Amino acid sequence: MIALRLFLKRSMQTSAILIALLLFPACQPELSSLNKVKNSGVLTIISRPGPSTFFTGHEGLTGFEYELANKFAQSLGVSLRIIKVDDYKSLYAGLNDSEIHFAAASLAASSDRKELLTFSLPYLQIEQQVIYKYGSKRPKTVADLLNKRVLVVSGSHHAETLEKLRLVYPELRWIETLNIDTAQLMQKVQDSEVDYAFVDSNEFVLQRSLFPQLGIGFSIDQPLNLAWAFPKSADDSLKKAAESFLLESIQTGALAELEERFYGHINAFNYSSAISFLNHIEKRLPLYKNTFKKAAAENKLDWRLLAAISYQESLWDPRAVSPTGVRGLMMLTRLTAKEVGVIDRGDPEQSIYGGASYLRKLIDRLPEEIDTHHKVWFSLAAYNGGYGHVADARAITEQQGANPNDWFNVKQRLPLLQQKKWSEQATHGYARTTGQALVYVRNIRRYYDLLVWATETEPEDTLHASLDIPVQEYKALLSASI
């Protein structure tokens, strides 16, 4: 009987312990920030839209920051979620939200910001540049900014820089504006609403062709590193994972490839070409925009890509004829026109639909394992230089131990088809215009980028539809926490 009582007593004690453990789950060790992301299956970043961060491309959201963060998310085995805000104040406030993991917004790791945030390894270095309008006095030093209308974005590292410069130049004054992007800021300088403005070198070079009347006055001496910004926390497991990813991206060349993809095609600025491009956007493009859109939709393409090809081919002139006999807006050869059912190459609508159909065929002909972006560049090279020569260059690339599905690898081998050693063993022989094809692809990539940014006022819902949280709803959450 005594033994039975002891057994029951011990059983009750054990049950009490089990119940206590169930009732107090907080006693369990808390998951690290990295494991929380992996368990949730979602990595959430916050960013400002723009050509150096994210925008809507021919396959949805893209941009240097977006693609880099998306690759990091993929390395963790999770999906990427992006929160869009329009100003730095909302961006910093968003980092107080536990649901947001870090900011990927071309943020400079300045000393002032490091007091509030913690930054990853840098992935890009930029300069702060003072821009001015040609015809006005070019600023060469900070002293030239005195008594001038200088514009910067509120909350930016440019505003921080000016605060420090004012210690040396007490009379220095400037204007800060909140809800404005780099393009709008540059527009104000070009429209002479202000005298000068501060911009980052990477953003200026991306958009300079849209503002041909602007030049660089001078650069602030100290370059800045761009990095991802994390809220300060004792748990830095996610930040360490991000740094391991960035370090590996540097070592494998993945980061360099991303830089090439978004910045490598930007050729030297040409004032007259930029002026001509802007004039044609205003006067010629509206004549054919609807046709570009309809043909693109029918062939599952981005209309701006078709328009960029057409501009490279004909400057949007339906009467254009080349010395080799190709003609029309999309410069179709007789054989290509016959293949896609075009009867009159000089007819703008037939030419656009024919060019769209031919481009779609080239894209679909490429192996499925090629990334979508690379497929577009391969197809552009094929549009200009022939599919066979592109296939030969891919074969050489594989023969040399490089990835034949990577455009940046293959484009290095295309010129080899002009050498006897390689052309004799190539299936389609000597390729006379490989250099021209490389310039062709580079130019179209550039025109496409400019068209994307020049037509940003196209339905904004396209961008918002790609975000996981309604923008206005999230901005309301942010404003409540500011």
Foldseek 3Di string as FASTA:
>chain_A
DVVVVVVVVVVVVVVVVVVVCVVCVVVDDDDFPLVVCLVVQEAEEEEEDDQQDWFQDWVGIDHLLVVLVQVLSVVSRGGYFYFYDQFVLLRVLVLVDSNHFWYRYQAFPDPVVVVFWPWAPFLDKWWKFKKFFPPDDQAADPVVQAPFEEEEEPPHVVVVVQVVVCVVVVRHDYDYDTRDDPVRVLVCRLVVVGGIYIDIPVRCLLAVLLRLRMDTRYTDPDMTTGTMIHGDDPRCPVSVSSNVSSVVCVVVVVSVVSCCLSPVLRDDDDSVVSVLLVVCVVPQCVVCQVLLVVLCVVLSTDSLLLQLQLCLVAVNQLQDADPVGQGGSNRDDPVLCVVQVHDDRSDHNSVSNSNSVQLSVQLVVDDPPADPVLSNLLSLLCSPFNNQLLVLLLVVLVVVPHHSSHNVSSLVSSVVLQPPVSQVPRPNGRGPCSVVSVNRSSSSSSSSSNVSVVVVVPPPVSNQVPHPDRNVVVVVVSVVSD
